[in-house]
PDB file of N, CA and C in Angstrom:
ATOM      1  N   MET A   1      68.605  76.332 104.554  1.00  0.00           N
ATOM      2  CA  MET A   1      69.363  77.403 103.972  1.00  0.00           C
ATOM      3  C   MET A   1      68.525  78.289 103.069  1.00  0.00           C
ATOM      4  N   GLU A   2      67.374  77.848 102.660  1.00  0.00           N
ATOM      5  CA  GLU A   2      66.548  78.647 101.757  1.00  0.00           C
ATOM      6  C   GLU A   2      66.003  79.893 102.431  1.00  0.00           C
ATOM      7  N   ASP A   3      65.938  79.905 103.764  1.00  0.00           N
ATOM      8  CA  ASP A   3      65.407  81.047 104.497  1.00  0.00           C
ATOM      9  C   ASP A   3      66.433  82.171 104.644  1.00  0.00           C
ATOM     10  N   VAL A   4      67.666  81.937 104.249  1.00  0.00           N
ATOM     11  CA  VAL A   4      68.719  82.938 104.402  1.00  0.00           C
ATOM     12  C   VAL A   4      68.495  84.078 103.425  1.00  0.00           C
ATOM     13  N   ASP A   5      68.578  85.318 103.925  1.00  0.00           N
ATOM     14  CA  ASP A   5      68.460  86.500 103.087  1.00  0.00           C
ATOM     15  C   ASP A   5      69.808  86.740 102.415  1.00  0.00           C
ATOM     16  N   ARG A   6      69.938  86.356 101.174  1.00  0.00           N
ATOM     17  CA  ARG A   6      71.213  86.459 100.467  1.00  0.00           C
ATOM     18  C   ARG A   6      71.541  87.894 100.076  1.00  0.00           C
ATOM     19  N   SER A   7      70.587  88.808 100.132  1.00  0.00           N
ATOM     20  CA  SER A   7      70.869  90.194  99.756  1.00  0.00           C
ATOM     21  C   SER A   7      71.795  90.874 100.765  1.00  0.00           C
ATOM     22  N   SER A   8      71.945  90.310 101.969  1.00  0.00           N
ATOM     23  CA  SER A   8      72.807  90.921 102.967  1.00  0.00           C
ATOM     24  C   SER A   8      74.220  90.335 102.947  1.00  0.00           C
ATOM     25  N   SER A   9      74.481  89.389 102.055  1.00  0.00           N
ATOM     26  CA  SER A   9      75.795  88.768 101.958  1.00  0.00           C
ATOM     27  C   SER A   9      76.394  89.018 100.579  1.00  0.00           C
ATOM     28  N   ILE A  10      77.708  89.125 100.574  1.00  0.00           N
ATOM     29  CA  ILE A  10      78.430  89.289  99.329  1.00  0.00           C
ATOM     30  C   ILE A  10      79.500  88.210  99.280  1.00  0.00           C
ATOM     31  N   ALA A  11      79.493  87.410  98.246  1.00  0.00           N
ATOM     32  CA  ALA A  11      80.519  86.383  98.090  1.00  0.00           C
ATOM     33  C   ALA A  11      81.737  87.029  97.431  1.00  0.00           C
ATOM     34  N   VAL A  12      82.893  86.880  98.064  1.00  0.00           N
ATOM     35  CA  VAL A  12      84.129  87.424  97.496  1.00  0.00           C
ATOM     36  C   VAL A  12      85.179  86.328  97.491  1.00  0.00           C
ATOM     37  N   MET A  13      86.025  86.364  96.481  1.00  0.00           N
ATOM     38  CA  MET A  13      87.097  85.382  96.368  1.00  0.00           C
ATOM     39  C   MET A  13      88.325  85.814  97.177  1.00  0.00           C
ATOM     40  N   ASN A  14      88.551  87.121  97.262  1.00  0.00           N
ATOM     41  CA  ASN A  14      89.735  87.633  97.937  1.00  0.00           C
ATOM     42  C   ASN A  14      89.316  88.824  98.789  1.00  0.00           C
ATOM     43  N   LEU A  15      89.323  88.653 100.091  1.00  0.00           N
ATOM     44  CA  LEU A  15      88.842  89.690 100.998  1.00  0.00           C
ATOM     45  C   LEU A  15      89.688  90.951 100.924  1.00  0.00           C
ATOM     46  N   ARG A  16      91.003  90.785 100.819  1.00  0.00           N
ATOM     47  CA  ARG A  16      91.891  91.952 100.735  1.00  0.00           C
ATOM     48  C   ARG A  16      91.568  92.781  99.490  1.00  0.00           C
ATOM     49  N   GLU A  17      91.348  92.126  98.369  1.00  0.00           N
ATOM     50  CA  GLU A  17      90.999  92.840  97.132  1.00  0.00           C
ATOM     51  C   GLU A  17      89.640  93.518  97.255  1.00  0.00           C
ATOM     52  N   PHE A  18      88.702  92.855  97.928  1.00  0.00           N
ATOM     53  CA  PHE A  18      87.384  93.457  98.151  1.00  0.00           C
ATOM     54  C   PHE A  18      87.527  94.757  98.942  1.00  0.00           C
ATOM     55  N   PHE A  19      88.298  94.719 100.028  1.00  0.00           N
ATOM     56  CA  PHE A  19      88.481  95.918 100.836  1.00  0.00           C
ATOM     57  C   PHE A  19      89.262  96.994 100.074  1.00  0.00           C
ATOM     58  N   ARG A  20      90.254  96.583  99.299  1.00  0.00           N
ATOM     59  CA  ARG A  20      91.017  97.555  98.515  1.00  0.00           C
ATOM     60  C   ARG A  20      90.091  98.275  97.529  1.00  0.00           C
ATOM     61  N   ASP A  21      89.273  97.502  96.821  1.00  0.00           N
ATOM     62  CA  ASP A  21      88.333  98.105  95.870  1.00  0.00           C
ATOM     63  C   ASP A  21      87.330  99.008  96.588  1.00  0.00           C
ATOM     64  N   SER A  22      86.860  98.570  97.750  1.00  0.00           N
ATOM     65  CA  SER A  22      85.889  99.364  98.516  1.00  0.00           C
ATOM     66  C   SER A  22      86.493 100.669  99.015  1.00  0.00           C
ATOM     67  N   VAL A  23      87.728 100.606  99.518  1.00  0.00           N
ATOM     68  CA  VAL A  23      88.403 101.807 100.007  1.00  0.00           C
ATOM     69  C   VAL A  23      88.645 102.772  98.853  1.00  0.00           C
ATOM     70  N   GLN A  24      89.104 102.258  97.728  1.00  0.00           N
ATOM     71  CA  GLN A  24      89.351 103.123  96.575  1.00  0.00           C
ATOM     72  C   GLN A  24      88.060 103.771  96.078  1.00  0.00           C
ATOM     73  N   ARG A  25      86.971 103.013  96.047  1.00  0.00           N
ATOM     74  CA  ARG A  25      85.679 103.561  95.621  1.00  0.00           C
ATOM     75  C   ARG A  25      85.222 104.655  96.588  1.00  0.00           C
ATOM     76  N   ALA A  26      85.355 104.406  97.876  1.00  0.00           N
ATOM     77  CA  ALA A  26      84.946 105.395  98.873  1.00  0.00           C
ATOM     78  C   ALA A  26      85.780 106.674  98.755  1.00  0.00           C
ATOM     79  N   MET A  27      87.078 106.522  98.512  1.00  0.00           N
ATOM     80  CA  MET A  27      87.936 107.702  98.381  1.00  0.00           C
ATOM     81  C   MET A  27      87.554 108.511  97.136  1.00  0.00           C
ATOM     82  N   ARG A  28      87.231 107.817  96.061  1.00  0.00           N
ATOM     83  CA  ARG A  28      86.789 108.540  94.848  1.00  0.00           C
ATOM     84  C   ARG A  28      85.482 109.294  95.117  1.00  0.00           C
ATOM     85  N   GLN A  29      84.545 108.624  95.774  1.00  0.00           N
ATOM     86  CA  GLN A  29      83.247 109.249  96.058  1.00  0.00           C
ATOM     87  C   GLN A  29      83.388 110.448  96.987  1.00  0.00           C
ATOM     88  N   GLN A  30      84.344 110.381  97.902  1.00  0.00           N
ATOM     89  CA  GLN A  30      84.556 111.470  98.864  1.00  0.00           C
ATOM     90  C   GLN A  30      85.589 112.483  98.381  1.00  0.00           C
ATOM     91  N   HIS A  31      86.151 112.246  97.180  1.00  0.00           N
ATOM     92  CA  HIS A  31      87.184 113.125  96.607  1.00  0.00           C
ATOM     93  C   HIS A  31      88.359 113.271  97.564  1.00  0.00           C
ATOM     94  N   VAL A  32      88.838 112.094  98.035  1.00  0.00           N
ATOM     95  CA  VAL A  32      89.952 112.042  98.972  1.00  0.00           C
ATOM     96  C   VAL A  32      91.105 111.304  98.298  1.00  0.00           C
ATOM     97  N   ALA A  33      92.286 111.847  98.454  1.00  0.00           N
ATOM     98  CA  ALA A  33      93.479 111.177  97.951  1.00  0.00           C
ATOM     99  C   ALA A  33      94.415 110.916  99.121  1.00  0.00           C
ATOM    100  N   VAL A  34      94.961 109.719  99.184  1.00  0.00           N
ATOM    101  CA  VAL A  34      95.906 109.379 100.241  1.00  0.00           C
ATOM    102  C   VAL A  34      97.118 108.693  99.620  1.00  0.00           C
ATOM    103  N   ASP A  35      98.179 108.670 100.368  1.00  0.00           N
ATOM    104  CA  ASP A  35      99.391 107.966  99.974  1.00  0.00           C
ATOM    105  C   ASP A  35      99.084 106.467  99.842  1.00  0.00           C
ATOM    106  N   ASP A  36      99.779 105.785  98.948  1.00  0.00           N
ATOM    107  CA  ASP A  36      99.564 104.350  98.759  1.00  0.00           C
ATOM    108  C   ASP A  36      99.785 103.563 100.050  1.00  0.00           C
ATOM    109  N   HIS A  37     100.740 103.997 100.861  1.00  0.00           N
ATOM    110  CA  HIS A  37     101.008 103.305 102.128  1.00  0.00           C
ATOM    111  C   HIS A  37      99.823 103.428 103.083  1.00  0.00           C
ATOM    112  N   THR A  38      99.185 104.587 103.076  1.00  0.00           N
ATOM    113  CA  THR A  38      98.017 104.803 103.933  1.00  0.00           C
ATOM    114  C   THR A  38      96.868 103.916 103.491  1.00  0.00           C
ATOM    115  N   GLU A  39      96.634 103.881 102.189  1.00  0.00           N
ATOM    116  CA  GLU A  39      95.576 103.012 101.654  1.00  0.00           C
ATOM    117  C   GLU A  39      95.856 101.559 102.023  1.00  0.00           C
ATOM    118  N   HIS A  40      97.078 101.118 101.848  1.00  0.00           N
ATOM    119  CA  HIS A  40      97.456  99.742 102.176  1.00  0.00           C
ATOM    120  C   HIS A  40      97.216  99.462 103.664  1.00  0.00           C
ATOM    121  N   TYR A  41      97.559 100.414 104.534  1.00  0.00           N
ATOM    122  CA  TYR A  41      97.395 100.237 105.970  1.00  0.00           C
ATOM    123  C   TYR A  41      95.913 100.066 106.324  1.00  0.00           C
ATOM    124  N   VAL A  42      95.062 100.918 105.756  1.00  0.00           N
ATOM    125  CA  VAL A  42      93.622 100.836 106.038  1.00  0.00           C
ATOM    126  C   VAL A  42      93.059  99.509 105.535  1.00  0.00           C
ATOM    127  N   VAL A  43      93.446  99.104 104.336  1.00  0.00           N
ATOM    128  CA  VAL A  43      92.982  97.827 103.793  1.00  0.00           C
ATOM    129  C   VAL A  43      93.443  96.679 104.689  1.00  0.00           C
ATOM    130  N   ASN A  44      94.667  96.758 105.182  1.00  0.00           N
ATOM    131  CA  ASN A  44      95.181  95.710 106.060  1.00  0.00           C
ATOM    132  C   ASN A  44      94.400  95.653 107.373  1.00  0.00           C
ATOM    133  N   VAL A  45      94.091  96.800 107.956  1.00  0.00           N
ATOM    134  CA  VAL A  45      93.304  96.824 109.202  1.00  0.00           C
ATOM    135  C   VAL A  45      91.943  96.177 108.976  1.00  0.00           C
ATOM    136  N   LEU A  46      91.282  96.536 107.880  1.00  0.00           N
ATOM    137  CA  LEU A  46      89.973  95.950 107.583  1.00  0.00           C
ATOM    138  C   LEU A  46      90.076  94.439 107.399  1.00  0.00           C
ATOM    139  N   THR A  47      91.103  94.004 106.702  1.00  0.00           N
ATOM    140  CA  THR A  47      91.276  92.577 106.445  1.00  0.00           C
ATOM    141  C   THR A  47      91.552  91.822 107.740  1.00  0.00           C
ATOM    142  N   VAL A  48      92.448  92.334 108.558  1.00  0.00           N
ATOM    143  CA  VAL A  48      92.792  91.666 109.817  1.00  0.00           C
ATOM    144  C   VAL A  48      91.576  91.599 110.737  1.00  0.00           C
ATOM    145  N   PHE A  49      90.859  92.706 110.881  1.00  0.00           N
ATOM    146  CA  PHE A  49      89.734  92.742 111.810  1.00  0.00           C
ATOM    147  C   PHE A  49      88.482  92.067 111.250  1.00  0.00           C
ATOM    148  N   SER A  50      88.529  91.600 110.015  1.00  0.00           N
ATOM    149  CA  SER A  50      87.402  90.816 109.505  1.00  0.00           C
ATOM    150  C   SER A  50      87.311  89.487 110.252  1.00  0.00           C
ATOM    151  N   ARG A  51      88.381  89.094 110.886  1.00  0.00           N
ATOM    152  CA  ARG A  51      88.397  87.908 111.748  1.00  0.00           C
ATOM    153  C   ARG A  51      88.120  88.379 113.177  1.00  0.00           C
ATOM    154  N   SER A  52      86.981  88.006 113.701  1.00  0.00           N
ATOM    155  CA  SER A  52      86.545  88.534 115.000  1.00  0.00           C
ATOM    156  C   SER A  52      87.554  88.282 116.110  1.00  0.00           C
ATOM    157  N   GLU A  53      88.296  87.187 116.037  1.00  0.00           N
ATOM    158  CA  GLU A  53      89.265  86.911 117.110  1.00  0.00           C
ATOM    159  C   GLU A  53      90.420  87.900 117.111  1.00  0.00           C
ATOM    160  N   GLU A  54      90.599  88.633 116.026  1.00  0.00           N
ATOM    161  CA  GLU A  54      91.637  89.662 115.974  1.00  0.00           C
ATOM    162  C   GLU A  54      91.161  90.980 116.596  1.00  0.00           C
ATOM    163  N   LEU A  55      89.862  91.194 116.614  1.00  0.00           N
ATOM    164  CA  LEU A  55      89.303  92.432 117.148  1.00  0.00           C
ATOM    165  C   LEU A  55      88.911  92.283 118.615  1.00  0.00           C
ATOM    166  N   TYR A  56      88.201  91.203 118.923  1.00  0.00           N
ATOM    167  CA  TYR A  56      87.685  90.989 120.277  1.00  0.00           C
ATOM    168  C   TYR A  56      88.671  90.190 121.109  1.00  0.00           C
ATOM    169  N   GLU A  57      88.522  90.273 122.422  1.00  0.00           N
ATOM    170  CA  GLU A  57      89.390  89.547 123.343  1.00  0.00           C
ATOM    171  C   GLU A  57      88.550  88.678 124.262  1.00  0.00           C
ATOM    172  N   ARG A  58      89.095  87.517 124.600  1.00  0.00           N
ATOM    173  CA  ARG A  58      88.419  86.627 125.559  1.00  0.00           C
ATOM    174  C   ARG A  58      88.654  87.155 126.967  1.00  0.00           C
ATOM    175  N   THR A  59      87.566  87.297 127.694  1.00  0.00           N
ATOM    176  CA  THR A  59      87.641  87.726 129.084  1.00  0.00           C
ATOM    177  C   THR A  59      86.828  86.759 129.932  1.00  0.00           C
ATOM    178  N   ALA A  60      86.869  86.940 131.227  1.00  0.00           N
ATOM    179  CA  ALA A  60      86.062  86.099 132.123  1.00  0.00           C
ATOM    180  C   ALA A  60      84.574  86.261 131.842  1.00  0.00           C
ATOM    181  N   GLU A  61      84.192  87.431 131.337  1.00  0.00           N
ATOM    182  CA  GLU A  61      82.785  87.705 131.033  1.00  0.00           C
ATOM    183  C   GLU A  61      82.392  87.255 129.630  1.00  0.00           C
ATOM    184  N   GLY A  62      83.339  86.740 128.866  1.00  0.00           N
ATOM    185  CA  GLY A  62      83.071  86.312 127.498  1.00  0.00           C
ATOM    186  C   GLY A  62      83.935  87.090 126.515  1.00  0.00           C
ATOM    187  N   VAL A  63      83.588  87.002 125.260  1.00  0.00           N
ATOM    188  CA  VAL A  63      84.343  87.704 124.224  1.00  0.00           C
ATOM    189  C   VAL A  63      83.877  89.152 124.192  1.00  0.00           C
ATOM    190  N   ARG A  64      84.823  90.084 124.334  1.00  0.00           N
ATOM    191  CA  ARG A  64      84.488  91.508 124.442  1.00  0.00           C
ATOM    192  C   ARG A  64      85.468  92.358 123.644  1.00  0.00           C
ATOM    193  N   LEU A  65      85.017  93.538 123.299  1.00  0.00           N
ATOM    194  CA  LEU A  65      85.898  94.560 122.755  1.00  0.00           C
ATOM    195  C   LEU A  65      86.342  95.407 123.942  1.00  0.00           C
ATOM    196  N   LYS A  66      87.634  95.415 124.189  1.00  0.00           N
ATOM    197  CA  LYS A  66      88.156  96.151 125.336  1.00  0.00           C
ATOM    198  C   LYS A  66      87.908  97.643 125.135  1.00  0.00           C
ATOM    199  N   PRO A  67      87.426  98.353 126.146  1.00  0.00           N
ATOM    200  CA  PRO A  67      87.225  99.799 126.013  1.00  0.00           C
ATOM    201  C   PRO A  67      88.524 100.503 125.621  1.00  0.00           C
ATOM    202  N   LEU A  68      88.409 101.495 124.764  1.00  0.00           N
ATOM    203  CA  LEU A  68      89.583 102.217 124.275  1.00  0.00           C
ATOM    204  C   LEU A  68      90.367 102.863 125.410  1.00  0.00           C
ATOM    205  N   ALA A  69      89.673 103.351 126.420  1.00  0.00           N
ATOM    206  CA  ALA A  69      90.354 103.961 127.569  1.00  0.00           C
ATOM    207  C   ALA A  69      91.228 102.938 128.294  1.00  0.00           C
ATOM    208  N   HIS A  70      90.775 101.699 128.379  1.00  0.00           N
ATOM    209  CA  HIS A  70      91.576 100.645 129.015  1.00  0.00           C
ATOM    210  C   HIS A  70      92.805 100.329 128.166  1.00  0.00           C
ATOM    211  N   MET A  71      92.624 100.341 126.841  1.00  0.00           N
ATOM    212  CA  MET A  71      93.769 100.105 125.956  1.00  0.00           C
ATOM    213  C   MET A  71      94.823 101.193 126.148  1.00  0.00           C
ATOM    214  N   LEU A  72      94.370 102.438 126.261  1.00  0.00           N
ATOM    215  CA  LEU A  72      95.300 103.543 126.460  1.00  0.00           C
ATOM    216  C   LEU A  72      96.018 103.410 127.796  1.00  0.00           C
ATOM    217  N   ALA A  73      95.283 103.075 128.842  1.00  0.00           N
ATOM    218  CA  ALA A  73      95.897 102.912 130.165  1.00  0.00           C
ATOM    219  C   ALA A  73      96.946 101.802 130.141  1.00  0.00           C
ATOM    220  N   GLU A  74      96.634 100.702 129.487  1.00  0.00           N
ATOM    221  CA  GLU A  74      97.596  99.602 129.394  1.00  0.00           C
ATOM    222  C   GLU A  74      98.835 100.022 128.605  1.00  0.00           C
ATOM    223  N   ALA A  75      98.636 100.794 127.549  1.00  0.00           N
ATOM    224  CA  ALA A  75      99.773 101.260 126.753  1.00  0.00           C
ATOM    225  C   ALA A  75     100.680 102.156 127.595  1.00  0.00           C
ATOM    226  N   MET A  76     100.082 103.034 128.370  1.00  0.00           N
ATOM    227  CA  MET A  76     100.869 103.958 129.185  1.00  0.00           C
ATOM    228  C   MET A  76     101.607 103.236 130.308  1.00  0.00           C
ATOM    229  N   GLU A  77     101.105 102.075 130.706  1.00  0.00           N
ATOM    230  CA  GLU A  77     101.728 101.296 131.773  1.00  0.00           C
ATOM    231  C   GLU A  77     102.617 100.173 131.238  1.00  0.00           C
ATOM    232  N   ALA A  78     102.833 100.131 129.940  1.00  0.00           N
ATOM    233  CA  ALA A  78     103.626  99.058 129.331  1.00  0.00           C
ATOM    234  C   ALA A  78     105.047  99.059 129.888  1.00  0.00           C
ATOM    235  N   PRO A  79     105.620  97.877 130.077  1.00  0.00           N
ATOM    236  CA  PRO A  79     106.951  97.790 130.680  1.00  0.00           C
ATOM    237  C   PRO A  79     108.094  98.223 129.753  1.00  0.00           C
ATOM    238  N   THR A  80     107.868  98.213 128.452  1.00  0.00           N
ATOM    239  CA  THR A  80     108.922  98.611 127.510  1.00  0.00           C
ATOM    240  C   THR A  80     108.342  99.536 126.451  1.00  0.00           C
ATOM    241  N   ALA A  81     109.229 100.264 125.802  1.00  0.00           N
ATOM    242  CA  ALA A  81     108.795 101.157 124.720  1.00  0.00           C
ATOM    243  C   ALA A  81     108.192 100.352 123.568  1.00  0.00           C
ATOM    244  N   GLU A  82     108.750  99.186 123.299  1.00  0.00           N
ATOM    245  CA  GLU A  82     108.220  98.339 122.217  1.00  0.00           C
ATOM    246  C   GLU A  82     106.799  97.880 122.516  1.00  0.00           C
ATOM    247  N   ARG A  83     106.554  97.457 123.735  1.00  0.00           N
ATOM    248  CA  ARG A  83     105.199  97.018 124.133  1.00  0.00           C
ATOM    249  C   ARG A  83     104.237  98.195 124.115  1.00  0.00           C
ATOM    250  N   ARG A  84     104.709  99.376 124.546  1.00  0.00           N
ATOM    251  CA  ARG A  84     103.869 100.578 124.508  1.00  0.00           C
ATOM    252  C   ARG A  84     103.488 100.899 123.065  1.00  0.00           C
ATOM    253  N   ASP A  85     104.462 100.851 122.157  1.00  0.00           N
ATOM    254  CA  ASP A  85     104.192 101.138 120.750  1.00  0.00           C
ATOM    255  C   ASP A  85     103.203 100.146 120.156  1.00  0.00           C
ATOM    256  N   GLN A  86     103.338  98.869 120.497  1.00  0.00           N
ATOM    257  CA  GLN A  86     102.403  97.849 120.014  1.00  0.00           C
ATOM    258  C   GLN A  86     100.988  98.130 120.527  1.00  0.00           C
ATOM    259  N   ALA A  87     100.900  98.471 121.809  1.00  0.00           N
ATOM    260  CA  ALA A  87      99.590  98.735 122.408  1.00  0.00           C
ATOM    261  C   ALA A  87      98.959  99.991 121.803  1.00  0.00           C
ATOM    262  N   LEU A  88      99.765 101.017 121.571  1.00  0.00           N
ATOM    263  CA  LEU A  88      99.240 102.245 120.960  1.00  0.00           C
ATOM    264  C   LEU A  88      98.812 102.003 119.512  1.00  0.00           C
ATOM    265  N   ARG A  89      99.560 101.168 118.798  1.00  0.00           N
ATOM    266  CA  ARG A  89      99.186 100.834 117.415  1.00  0.00           C
ATOM    267  C   ARG A  89      97.843 100.112 117.413  1.00  0.00           C
ATOM    268  N   ARG A  90      97.670  99.169 118.327  1.00  0.00           N
ATOM    269  CA  ARG A  90      96.389  98.443 118.411  1.00  0.00           C
ATOM    270  C   ARG A  90      95.259  99.411 118.761  1.00  0.00           C
ATOM    271  N   LEU A  91      95.520 100.301 119.704  1.00  0.00           N
ATOM    272  CA  LEU A  91      94.517 101.303 120.076  1.00  0.00           C
ATOM    273  C   LEU A  91      94.116 102.129 118.849  1.00  0.00           C
ATOM    274  N   GLY A  92      95.085 102.581 118.092  1.00  0.00           N
ATOM    275  CA  GLY A  92      94.792 103.367 116.899  1.00  0.00           C
ATOM    276  C   GLY A  92      94.040 102.565 115.866  1.00  0.00           C
ATOM    277  N   ASP A  93      94.443 101.317 115.655  1.00  0.00           N
ATOM    278  CA  ASP A  93      93.772 100.474 114.663  1.00  0.00           C
ATOM    279  C   ASP A  93      92.323 100.195 115.049  1.00  0.00           C
ATOM    280  N   VAL A  94      92.106  99.849 116.317  1.00  0.00           N
ATOM    281  CA  VAL A  94      90.737  99.578 116.782  1.00  0.00           C
ATOM    282  C   VAL A  94      89.899 100.853 116.699  1.00  0.00           C
ATOM    283  N   SER A  95      90.475 101.993 117.071  1.00  0.00           N
ATOM    284  CA  SER A  95      89.749 103.268 116.991  1.00  0.00           C
ATOM    285  C   SER A  95      89.344 103.570 115.554  1.00  0.00           C
ATOM    286  N   LEU A  96      90.264 103.395 114.633  1.00  0.00           N
ATOM    287  CA  LEU A  96      89.991 103.625 113.214  1.00  0.00           C
ATOM    288  C   LEU A  96      88.883 102.707 112.727  1.00  0.00           C
ATOM    289  N   PHE A  97      88.966 101.438 113.082  1.00  0.00           N
ATOM    290  CA  PHE A  97      87.984 100.453 112.654  1.00  0.00           C
ATOM    291  C   PHE A  97      86.591 100.775 113.199  1.00  0.00           C
ATOM    292  N   VAL A  98      86.520 101.030 114.498  1.00  0.00           N
ATOM    293  CA  VAL A  98      85.229 101.320 115.140  1.00  0.00           C
ATOM    294  C   VAL A  98      84.642 102.626 114.609  1.00  0.00           C
ATOM    295  N   ALA A  99      85.464 103.649 114.470  1.00  0.00           N
ATOM    296  CA  ALA A  99      84.981 104.941 113.956  1.00  0.00           C
ATOM    297  C   ALA A  99      84.426 104.793 112.543  1.00  0.00           C
ATOM    298  N   GLY A 100      85.050 103.945 111.748  1.00  0.00           N
ATOM    299  CA  GLY A 100      84.549 103.716 110.389  1.00  0.00           C
ATOM    300  C   GLY A 100      83.171 103.093 110.377  1.00  0.00           C
ATOM    301  N   PHE A 101      82.933 102.173 111.293  1.00  0.00           N
ATOM    302  CA  PHE A 101      81.628 101.531 111.349  1.00  0.00           C
ATOM    303  C   PHE A 101      80.547 102.430 111.919  1.00  0.00           C
ATOM    304  N   PHE A 102      80.929 103.332 112.780  1.00  0.00           N
ATOM    305  CA  PHE A 102      79.939 104.162 113.449  1.00  0.00           C
ATOM    306  C   PHE A 102      79.983 105.618 112.995  1.00  0.00           C
ATOM    307  N   ALA A 103      80.595 105.898 111.861  1.00  0.00           N
ATOM    308  CA  ALA A 103      80.747 107.273 111.378  1.00  0.00           C
ATOM    309  C   ALA A 103      79.401 107.970 111.221  1.00  0.00           C
ATOM    310  N   GLN A 104      78.422 107.289 110.632  1.00  0.00           N
ATOM    311  CA  GLN A 104      77.113 107.916 110.446  1.00  0.00           C
ATOM    312  C   GLN A 104      76.443 108.198 111.782  1.00  0.00           C
ATOM    313  N   SER A 105      76.575 107.286 112.721  1.00  0.00           N
ATOM    314  CA  SER A 105      75.998 107.493 114.043  1.00  0.00           C
ATOM    315  C   SER A 105      76.660 108.675 114.741  1.00  0.00           C
ATOM    316  N   PHE A 106      78.001 108.778 114.642  1.00  0.00           N
ATOM    317  CA  PHE A 106      78.713 109.906 115.236  1.00  0.00           C
ATOM    318  C   PHE A 106      78.254 111.219 114.608  1.00  0.00           C
ATOM    319  N   ALA A 107      78.110 111.231 113.286  1.00  0.00           N
ATOM    320  CA  ALA A 107      77.700 112.452 112.588  1.00  0.00           C
ATOM    321  C   ALA A 107      76.303 112.880 113.030  1.00  0.00           C
ATOM    322  N   ARG A 108      75.377 111.927 113.166  1.00  0.00           N
ATOM    323  CA  ARG A 108      74.021 112.258 113.630  1.00  0.00           C
ATOM    324  C   ARG A 108      74.061 112.837 115.032  1.00  0.00           C
ATOM    325  N   ARG A 109      74.881 112.254 115.912  1.00  0.00           N
ATOM    326  CA  ARG A 109      74.993 112.736 117.279  1.00  0.00           C
ATOM    327  C   ARG A 109      75.534 114.163 117.322  1.00  0.00           C
ATOM    328  N   ILE A 110      76.534 114.422 116.511  1.00  0.00           N
ATOM    329  CA  ILE A 110      77.117 115.769 116.462  1.00  0.00           C
ATOM    330  C   ILE A 110      76.087 116.768 115.962  1.00  0.00           C
ATOM    331  N   ARG A 111      75.347 116.422 114.902  1.00  0.00           N
ATOM    332  CA  ARG A 111      74.307 117.330 114.378  1.00  0.00           C
ATOM    333  C   ARG A 111      73.235 117.584 115.426  1.00  0.00           C
ATOM    334  N   ARG A 112      72.854 116.543 116.139  1.00  0.00           N
ATOM    335  CA  ARG A 112      71.817 116.679 117.166  1.00  0.00           C
ATOM    336  C   ARG A 112      72.304 117.596 118.286  1.00  0.00           C
ATOM    337  N   ARG A 113      73.532 117.403 118.731  1.00  0.00           N
ATOM    338  CA  ARG A 113      74.077 118.236 119.815  1.00  0.00           C
ATOM    339  C   ARG A 113      74.253 119.682 119.359  1.00  0.00           C
ATOM    340  N   THR A 114      74.659 119.866 118.112  1.00  0.00           N
ATOM    341  CA  THR A 114      74.811 121.212 117.579  1.00  0.00           C
ATOM    342  C   THR A 114      73.460 121.919 117.540  1.00  0.00           C
ATOM    343  N   ALA A 115      72.438 121.209 117.116  1.00  0.00           N
ATOM    344  CA  ALA A 115      71.085 121.793 117.052  1.00  0.00           C
ATOM    345  C   ALA A 115      70.595 122.159 118.448  1.00  0.00           C
ATOM    346  N   ILE A 116      70.843 121.282 119.426  1.00  0.00           N
ATOM    347  CA  ILE A 116      70.439 121.565 120.805  1.00  0.00           C
ATOM    348  C   ILE A 116      71.189 122.778 121.332  1.00  0.00           C
ATOM    349  N   HIS A 117      72.486 122.852 121.046  1.00  0.00           N
ATOM    350  CA  HIS A 117      73.302 123.970 121.502  1.00  0.00           C
ATOM    351  C   HIS A 117      72.816 125.279 120.899  1.00  0.00           C
ATOM    352  N   ARG A 118      72.455 125.277 119.632  1.00  0.00           N
ATOM    353  CA  ARG A 118      71.980 126.489 118.973  1.00  0.00           C
ATOM    354  C   ARG A 118      70.667 126.978 119.537  1.00  0.00           C
ATOM    355  N   ARG A 119      69.824 126.029 119.978  1.00  0.00           N
ATOM    356  CA  ARG A 119      68.542 126.408 120.575  1.00  0.00           C
ATOM    357  C   ARG A 119      68.707 126.873 122.007  1.00  0.00           C
ATOM    358  N   GLY A 120      69.900 126.630 122.571  1.00  0.00           N
ATOM    359  CA  GLY A 120      70.157 127.056 123.938  1.00  0.00           C
ATOM    360  C   GLY A 120      69.587 126.146 124.982  1.00  0.00           C
ATOM    361  N   VAL A 121      69.334 124.901 124.608  1.00  0.00           N
ATOM    362  CA  VAL A 121      68.778 123.930 125.551  1.00  0.00           C
ATOM    363  C   VAL A 121      69.888 123.278 126.322  1.00  0.00           C
TER     364      VAL A 121
END
């Protein structure tokens, strides 16, 4: 255990409180205000998806994150309105979660494409 890089880990007593504090700090830094219900929803998504079995699904090929397009197709083909709503909620939650993790990568890609477009390439 001595070889473990402890600088990449944070010990927390309450994961929900950690995410709540992190979300509030990020909103202050970005000068963003949201309704308390919205903040609670985002904190809940982060807390739930901190457990990998809640985010990933077991498939024949192993544990995978289902493509968002497949989630949408399944939602549109749901047998009931309730199942469709559940599937769409999951699609939205997974999209929000993934976009949060890859926000910087998305921003770099957009800047790169904008620069290429401006040069006419």
